Amino acid sequence: MKNFKTYQLSVSLYKACTALRLPSHLKNQLLRASSSIPLNLADGGAGATTPSVPKDCAVAGCIGKEEEKVLSKIN
């Protein structure tokens, strides 16, 4: 996973989300969504030649959209 740039970025995103001060219901949702991204990427990256890679990356992308919606509610 060390050379998997997208995974590394998703871990950085999760760490950044943990530092945000938000209402508890929004922070809870944001942390669940942001932790799912590296987990889904790791599932797909573990067997980089398996057919699940596109699905796992697509799931991570959809979760990223969910984070975007949560963050839009705080501005």
N, C-alpha and C. Protein backbone atom coordinates (compact mmCIF):
# COMPACT_ATOMS: atom_id res chain seq x y z
N MET A 1 0.82 -1.19 0.00
CA MET A 1 0.00 0.00 0.00
C MET A 1 0.87 1.27 0.00
N LYS A 2 2.14 1.10 0.29
CA LYS A 2 3.05 2.25 0.39
C LYS A 2 3.13 3.04 -0.92
N ASN A 3 3.06 2.37 -2.06
CA ASN A 3 3.16 3.03 -3.36
C ASN A 3 1.79 3.31 -3.99
N PHE A 4 0.73 3.06 -3.29
CA PHE A 4 -0.62 3.26 -3.79
C PHE A 4 -1.05 4.68 -3.38
N LYS A 5 -0.81 5.63 -4.29
CA LYS A 5 -0.99 7.06 -3.99
C LYS A 5 -2.42 7.39 -3.56
N THR A 6 -3.39 6.82 -4.22
CA THR A 6 -4.79 7.11 -3.88
C THR A 6 -5.10 6.65 -2.46
N TYR A 7 -4.58 5.50 -2.09
CA TYR A 7 -4.77 5.00 -0.72
C TYR A 7 -4.13 5.95 0.28
N GLN A 8 -2.90 6.38 0.02
CA GLN A 8 -2.20 7.29 0.93
C GLN A 8 -2.97 8.61 1.08
N LEU A 9 -3.50 9.12 -0.03
CA LEU A 9 -4.30 10.35 0.03
C LEU A 9 -5.57 10.16 0.85
N SER A 10 -6.18 8.99 0.71
CA SER A 10 -7.41 8.74 1.47
C SER A 10 -7.14 8.64 2.97
N VAL A 11 -5.99 8.09 3.33
CA VAL A 11 -5.62 8.04 4.75
C VAL A 11 -5.38 9.46 5.27
N SER A 12 -4.73 10.29 4.46
CA SER A 12 -4.50 11.69 4.84
C SER A 12 -5.83 12.43 5.00
N LEU A 13 -6.77 12.15 4.12
CA LEU A 13 -8.10 12.77 4.22
C LEU A 13 -8.77 12.37 5.53
N TYR A 14 -8.70 11.09 5.88
CA TYR A 14 -9.31 10.64 7.14
C TYR A 14 -8.69 11.37 8.33
N LYS A 15 -7.36 11.48 8.33
CA LYS A 15 -6.68 12.17 9.43
C LYS A 15 -7.11 13.63 9.52
N ALA A 16 -7.26 14.27 8.37
CA ALA A 16 -7.71 15.66 8.35
C ALA A 16 -9.14 15.77 8.89
N CYS A 17 -9.97 14.82 8.56
CA CYS A 17 -11.37 14.84 9.03
C CYS A 17 -11.45 14.67 10.53
N THR A 18 -10.53 13.91 11.12
CA THR A 18 -10.57 13.72 12.57
C THR A 18 -10.29 15.02 13.31
N ALA A 19 -9.58 15.94 12.67
CA ALA A 19 -9.22 17.20 13.33
C ALA A 19 -10.32 18.26 13.23
N LEU A 20 -11.31 18.05 12.38
CA LEU A 20 -12.37 19.05 12.21
C LEU A 20 -13.28 19.13 13.42
N ARG A 21 -13.71 20.33 13.73
CA ARG A 21 -14.69 20.54 14.80
C ARG A 21 -16.05 20.72 14.14
N LEU A 22 -16.90 19.75 14.34
CA LEU A 22 -18.23 19.75 13.73
C LEU A 22 -19.25 19.30 14.76
N PRO A 23 -20.53 19.57 14.48
CA PRO A 23 -21.58 18.97 15.30
C PRO A 23 -21.42 17.45 15.27
N SER A 24 -21.70 16.81 16.38
CA SER A 24 -21.41 15.38 16.51
C SER A 24 -22.06 14.52 15.42
N HIS A 25 -23.29 14.85 15.01
CA HIS A 25 -23.95 14.02 14.00
C HIS A 25 -23.24 14.13 12.65
N LEU A 26 -22.72 15.31 12.32
CA LEU A 26 -21.99 15.46 11.06
C LEU A 26 -20.60 14.85 11.13
N LYS A 27 -19.93 15.02 12.26
CA LYS A 27 -18.58 14.45 12.40
C LYS A 27 -18.65 12.93 12.35
N ASN A 28 -19.63 12.36 13.01
CA ASN A 28 -19.79 10.91 13.00
C ASN A 28 -19.95 10.39 11.57
N GLN A 29 -20.81 11.01 10.81
CA GLN A 29 -21.05 10.61 9.43
C GLN A 29 -19.79 10.79 8.58
N LEU A 30 -19.12 11.92 8.76
CA LEU A 30 -17.91 12.21 8.00
C LEU A 30 -16.80 11.21 8.30
N LEU A 31 -16.62 10.86 9.56
CA LEU A 31 -15.58 9.90 9.92
C LEU A 31 -15.90 8.50 9.41
N ARG A 32 -17.16 8.12 9.46
CA ARG A 32 -17.52 6.80 8.91
C ARG A 32 -17.26 6.75 7.41
N ALA A 33 -17.65 7.82 6.71
CA ALA A 33 -17.45 7.86 5.27
C ALA A 33 -15.96 7.90 4.92
N SER A 34 -15.21 8.76 5.61
CA SER A 34 -13.79 8.91 5.27
C SER A 34 -12.97 7.68 5.64
N SER A 35 -13.39 6.93 6.64
CA SER A 35 -12.66 5.70 6.97
C SER A 35 -13.00 4.58 5.98
N SER A 36 -14.15 4.66 5.36
CA SER A 36 -14.52 3.64 4.38
C SER A 36 -13.70 3.71 3.10
N ILE A 37 -13.24 4.91 2.74
CA ILE A 37 -12.50 5.06 1.49
C ILE A 37 -11.21 4.24 1.50
N PRO A 38 -10.30 4.43 2.48
CA PRO A 38 -9.09 3.61 2.44
C PRO A 38 -9.36 2.12 2.62
N LEU A 39 -10.41 1.80 3.37
CA LEU A 39 -10.73 0.38 3.55
C LEU A 39 -11.16 -0.25 2.22
N ASN A 40 -11.99 0.44 1.46
CA ASN A 40 -12.42 -0.09 0.16
C ASN A 40 -11.26 -0.13 -0.83
N LEU A 41 -10.41 0.88 -0.81
CA LEU A 41 -9.25 0.87 -1.69
C LEU A 41 -8.29 -0.26 -1.32
N ALA A 42 -8.12 -0.50 -0.04
CA ALA A 42 -7.24 -1.59 0.40
C ALA A 42 -7.81 -2.93 -0.04
N ASP A 43 -9.13 -3.09 0.03
CA ASP A 43 -9.75 -4.33 -0.44
C ASP A 43 -9.45 -4.57 -1.91
N GLY A 44 -9.56 -3.51 -2.70
CA GLY A 44 -9.29 -3.64 -4.13
C GLY A 44 -7.82 -3.74 -4.44
N GLY A 45 -6.97 -3.03 -3.68
CA GLY A 45 -5.55 -3.03 -3.94
C GLY A 45 -4.83 -4.27 -3.47
N ALA A 46 -5.45 -5.00 -2.56
CA ALA A 46 -4.80 -6.21 -2.03
C ALA A 46 -4.61 -7.26 -3.10
N GLY A 47 -5.56 -7.37 -4.00
CA GLY A 47 -5.46 -8.31 -5.10
C GLY A 47 -5.61 -7.54 -6.39
N ALA A 48 -4.61 -6.76 -6.73
CA ALA A 48 -4.70 -5.78 -7.81
C ALA A 48 -5.12 -6.34 -9.15
N THR A 49 -5.11 -7.66 -9.30
CA THR A 49 -5.52 -8.23 -10.59
C THR A 49 -6.91 -8.84 -10.53
N THR A 50 -7.56 -8.76 -9.38
CA THR A 50 -8.87 -9.38 -9.26
C THR A 50 -9.95 -8.49 -9.86
N PRO A 51 -11.06 -9.08 -10.24
CA PRO A 51 -12.17 -8.30 -10.82
C PRO A 51 -12.81 -7.32 -9.83
N SER A 52 -12.51 -7.44 -8.53
CA SER A 52 -13.15 -6.56 -7.56
C SER A 52 -12.54 -5.17 -7.52
N VAL A 53 -11.36 -4.97 -8.12
CA VAL A 53 -10.70 -3.67 -8.05
C VAL A 53 -11.58 -2.55 -8.57
N PRO A 54 -12.15 -2.63 -9.77
CA PRO A 54 -13.01 -1.53 -10.23
C PRO A 54 -14.20 -1.27 -9.30
N LYS A 55 -14.79 -2.33 -8.78
CA LYS A 55 -15.93 -2.18 -7.88
C LYS A 55 -15.50 -1.48 -6.59
N ASP A 56 -14.39 -1.91 -6.00
CA ASP A 56 -13.93 -1.31 -4.75
C ASP A 56 -13.56 0.16 -4.94
N CYS A 57 -12.94 0.48 -6.05
CA CYS A 57 -12.59 1.88 -6.32
C CYS A 57 -13.83 2.71 -6.58
N ALA A 58 -14.82 2.13 -7.24
CA ALA A 58 -16.07 2.84 -7.48
C ALA A 58 -16.79 3.13 -6.17
N VAL A 59 -16.79 2.16 -5.26
CA VAL A 59 -17.41 2.34 -3.95
C VAL A 59 -16.70 3.47 -3.21
N ALA A 60 -15.37 3.48 -3.26
CA ALA A 60 -14.60 4.54 -2.59
C ALA A 60 -14.95 5.90 -3.19
N GLY A 61 -15.14 5.96 -4.50
CA GLY A 61 -15.51 7.22 -5.15
C GLY A 61 -16.88 7.70 -4.73
N CYS A 62 -17.82 6.79 -4.58
CA CYS A 62 -19.16 7.16 -4.13
C CYS A 62 -19.13 7.66 -2.70
N ILE A 63 -18.30 7.06 -1.87
CA ILE A 63 -18.18 7.50 -0.49
C ILE A 63 -17.59 8.90 -0.44
N GLY A 64 -16.65 9.19 -1.34
CA GLY A 64 -16.08 10.53 -1.42
C GLY A 64 -17.15 11.57 -1.72
N LYS A 65 -18.12 11.22 -2.55
CA LYS A 65 -19.23 12.13 -2.85
C LYS A 65 -20.08 12.35 -1.59
N GLU A 66 -20.21 11.31 -0.77
CA GLU A 66 -20.97 11.45 0.47
C GLU A 66 -20.27 12.44 1.39
N GLU A 67 -18.95 12.36 1.49
CA GLU A 67 -18.20 13.33 2.30
C GLU A 67 -18.41 14.74 1.81
N GLU A 68 -18.40 14.89 0.50
CA GLU A 68 -18.60 16.22 -0.09
C GLU A 68 -19.94 16.81 0.34
N LYS A 69 -20.97 15.98 0.38
CA LYS A 69 -22.30 16.45 0.80
C LYS A 69 -22.31 16.83 2.26
N VAL A 70 -21.65 16.03 3.10
CA VAL A 70 -21.61 16.35 4.54
C VAL A 70 -20.89 17.67 4.74
N LEU A 71 -19.75 17.86 4.08
CA LEU A 71 -18.99 19.09 4.25
C LEU A 71 -19.74 20.30 3.72
N SER A 72 -20.56 20.13 2.69
CA SER A 72 -21.31 21.26 2.15
C SER A 72 -22.35 21.77 3.15
N LYS A 73 -22.76 20.94 4.07
CA LYS A 73 -23.76 21.35 5.07
C LYS A 73 -23.19 22.23 6.15
N ILE A 74 -21.86 22.29 6.29
CA ILE A 74 -21.27 23.09 7.36
C ILE A 74 -20.86 24.47 6.89
N ASN A 75 -20.91 24.75 5.61
CA ASN A 75 -20.53 26.07 5.09
C ASN A 75 -21.72 26.96 4.89
